Amino acid sequence: MNRVQRLETFIAAMAVVYSLDSATTASAISELRWTYRPVLIFAPALDDARVRQQTVALARDRGALAARSMVVMTIVAGTVSAEGGPRSKLSAASLRSRFGVGPSEFRIILVGKDGGEKLSSGAPVTADRLFATIDAMPMRRQEMRDR
């Protein structure tokens, strides 16, 4: 099995796929607030090389993801898969609408625990950049002091 096949197998094994109607989006987003920092990976197709690149970058340090309460959500076509957090009640269409991402676009969006958009990029982002963005947030600094 080559590296791409292993990655695709990993994604399939780790992802829990959901597709619910958009009426649940507002309550589902509020359920994540103050508990998780979602990283949203929007892509036109799962075989998009940028999805693999972003997924690999984040998969290298699961401990750092967990320490920062990050949940990685991949939004492809009509599905939302989530890793590292609760089962998602969010629909792909409602997420695309809320964050203004078209179905043919690739975009990475980091959402803070307060529900606000903290970082947005049209290209894959290094894990170090995501971690540095989070670590600069006042809430994260408080979490680190409290540990």
Protein backbone atom coordinates (compact mmCIF):
# COMPACT_ATOMS: atom_id res chain seq x y z
CA MET A 1 0.00 0.00 0.00
CA ASN A 2 1.52 3.34 -1.00
CA ARG A 3 1.54 6.49 1.11
CA VAL A 4 -1.57 8.01 -0.52
CA GLN A 5 -3.53 4.80 -0.05
CA ARG A 6 -2.44 4.59 3.60
CA LEU A 7 -3.51 8.21 4.14
CA GLU A 8 -6.88 7.59 2.49
CA THR A 9 -7.35 4.49 4.65
CA PHE A 10 -6.39 6.52 7.72
CA ILE A 11 -8.88 9.28 6.84
CA ALA A 12 -11.64 6.75 6.24
CA ALA A 13 -10.89 4.92 9.50
CA MET A 14 -10.70 8.04 11.65
CA ALA A 15 -13.54 10.05 10.13
CA VAL A 16 -17.15 9.84 11.19
CA VAL A 17 -19.29 11.06 8.33
CA TYR A 18 -22.50 12.98 8.87
CA SER A 19 -24.88 14.85 6.65
CA LEU A 20 -27.78 16.54 8.43
CA ASP A 21 -30.06 19.36 7.44
CA SER A 22 -29.01 22.96 7.93
CA ALA A 23 -31.62 23.62 10.61
CA THR A 24 -29.31 21.95 13.12
CA THR A 25 -26.29 24.08 12.24
CA ALA A 26 -26.83 26.96 14.67
CA SER A 27 -27.33 24.69 17.68
CA ALA A 28 -24.47 22.40 16.65
CA ILE A 29 -22.04 25.30 16.33
CA SER A 30 -23.09 26.59 19.72
CA GLU A 31 -22.48 23.10 21.18
CA LEU A 32 -18.83 23.36 20.10
CA ARG A 33 -18.36 26.84 21.59
CA TRP A 34 -16.24 27.17 24.69
CA THR A 35 -15.17 23.50 24.39
CA TYR A 36 -13.52 22.98 20.99
CA ARG A 37 -11.48 24.88 18.42
CA PRO A 38 -12.64 23.54 15.05
CA VAL A 39 -10.29 23.46 12.09
CA LEU A 40 -12.50 23.33 9.01
CA ILE A 41 -10.99 21.87 5.84
CA PHE A 42 -13.22 22.68 2.87
CA ALA A 43 -12.43 20.93 -0.41
CA PRO A 44 -14.15 20.13 -3.70
CA ALA A 45 -13.12 16.44 -3.51
CA LEU A 46 -11.53 14.05 -1.01
CA ASP A 47 -8.78 13.17 -3.48
CA ASP A 48 -7.69 16.81 -3.64
CA ALA A 49 -3.94 16.88 -2.94
CA ARG A 50 -4.42 19.86 -0.60
CA VAL A 51 -6.71 17.78 1.65
CA ARG A 52 -4.02 15.11 1.93
CA GLN A 53 -1.34 17.72 2.59
CA GLN A 54 -3.41 19.41 5.32
CA THR A 55 -4.48 16.13 6.90
CA VAL A 56 -0.91 14.83 7.03
CA ALA A 57 0.30 18.11 8.56
CA LEU A 58 -2.28 17.84 11.34
CA ALA A 59 -1.98 14.09 11.89
CA ARG A 60 1.70 14.35 12.80
CA ASP A 61 0.99 15.70 16.28
CA ARG A 62 -2.27 14.40 17.72
CA GLY A 63 -1.15 15.29 21.23
CA ALA A 64 -0.84 18.96 20.30
CA LEU A 65 -4.30 18.87 18.70
CA ALA A 66 -5.81 17.36 21.84
CA ALA A 67 -3.95 19.76 24.15
CA ARG A 68 -5.51 22.67 22.26
CA SER A 69 -8.99 21.10 22.17
CA MET A 70 -8.94 21.05 18.38
CA VAL A 71 -11.45 19.10 16.31
CA VAL A 72 -10.58 18.64 12.63
CA MET A 73 -13.61 18.75 10.34
CA THR A 74 -13.34 17.95 6.65
CA ILE A 75 -16.14 19.29 4.46
CA VAL A 76 -16.21 17.62 1.04
CA ALA A 77 -19.21 17.62 -1.28
CA GLY A 78 -22.24 16.93 0.94
CA THR A 79 -20.43 15.36 3.87
CA VAL A 80 -18.81 16.55 7.07
CA SER A 81 -16.33 14.30 8.83
CA ALA A 82 -14.97 15.06 12.27
CA GLU A 83 -11.90 13.80 14.09
CA GLY A 84 -10.94 14.62 17.66
CA GLY A 85 -14.29 15.88 18.85
CA PRO A 86 -17.97 15.06 19.19
CA ARG A 87 -20.17 13.76 16.41
CA SER A 88 -20.99 16.64 14.14
CA LYS A 89 -24.53 17.84 13.64
CA LEU A 90 -23.39 20.29 10.99
CA SER A 91 -24.28 20.03 7.33
CA ALA A 92 -21.78 20.73 4.57
CA ALA A 93 -24.12 23.21 2.86
CA SER A 94 -24.72 25.21 6.03
CA LEU A 95 -21.01 25.35 6.87
CA ARG A 96 -20.18 26.49 3.34
CA SER A 97 -22.88 29.15 3.60
CA ARG A 98 -21.85 30.36 7.06
CA PHE A 99 -18.19 30.73 6.10
CA GLY A 100 -18.76 31.81 2.49
CA VAL A 101 -16.93 28.89 0.90
CA GLY A 102 -18.11 27.69 -2.52
CA PRO A 103 -18.38 23.99 -3.39
CA SER A 104 -15.37 24.16 -5.73
CA GLU A 105 -13.14 26.06 -3.28
CA PHE A 106 -10.37 24.83 -1.01
CA ARG A 107 -10.16 26.68 2.30
CA ILE A 108 -8.84 26.10 5.83
CA ILE A 109 -10.61 27.98 8.62
CA LEU A 110 -9.64 27.96 12.29
CA VAL A 111 -12.53 28.78 14.60
CA GLY A 112 -11.85 29.78 18.19
CA LYS A 113 -13.66 28.48 21.24
CA ASP A 114 -15.69 31.70 21.14
CA GLY A 115 -17.03 30.70 17.72
CA GLY A 116 -15.13 33.43 15.86
CA GLU A 117 -13.03 32.88 12.76
CA LYS A 118 -9.37 33.19 13.75
CA LEU A 119 -7.53 32.19 10.58
CA SER A 120 -8.54 31.57 6.99
CA SER A 121 -6.35 30.37 4.12
CA GLY A 122 -6.89 29.25 0.54
CA ALA A 123 -3.87 26.93 0.85
CA PRO A 124 -2.84 24.28 3.38
CA VAL A 125 -1.51 25.68 6.65
CA THR A 126 1.29 24.18 8.70
CA ALA A 127 0.41 22.73 12.07
CA ASP A 128 2.98 25.09 13.61
CA ARG A 129 1.12 28.11 12.21
CA LEU A 130 -2.21 26.84 13.56
CA PHE A 131 -0.68 26.07 16.96
CA ALA A 132 1.04 29.47 17.11
CA THR A 133 -2.24 31.22 16.23
CA ILE A 134 -4.04 29.35 18.99
CA ASP A 135 -1.23 29.78 21.51
CA ALA A 136 -1.37 33.55 21.02
CA MET A 137 -5.06 33.64 22.01
CA PRO A 138 -5.82 34.94 25.53
CA MET A 139 -8.04 31.94 26.33
CA ARG A 140 -5.26 29.50 25.37
CA ARG A 141 -2.71 31.42 27.43
CA GLN A 142 -5.05 31.13 30.41
CA GLU A 143 -5.43 27.39 29.77
CA MET A 144 -1.65 26.97 29.76
CA ARG A 145 -1.30 28.96 33.03
CA ASP A 146 -4.02 26.85 34.65
CA ARG A 147 -2.20 23.57 33.87
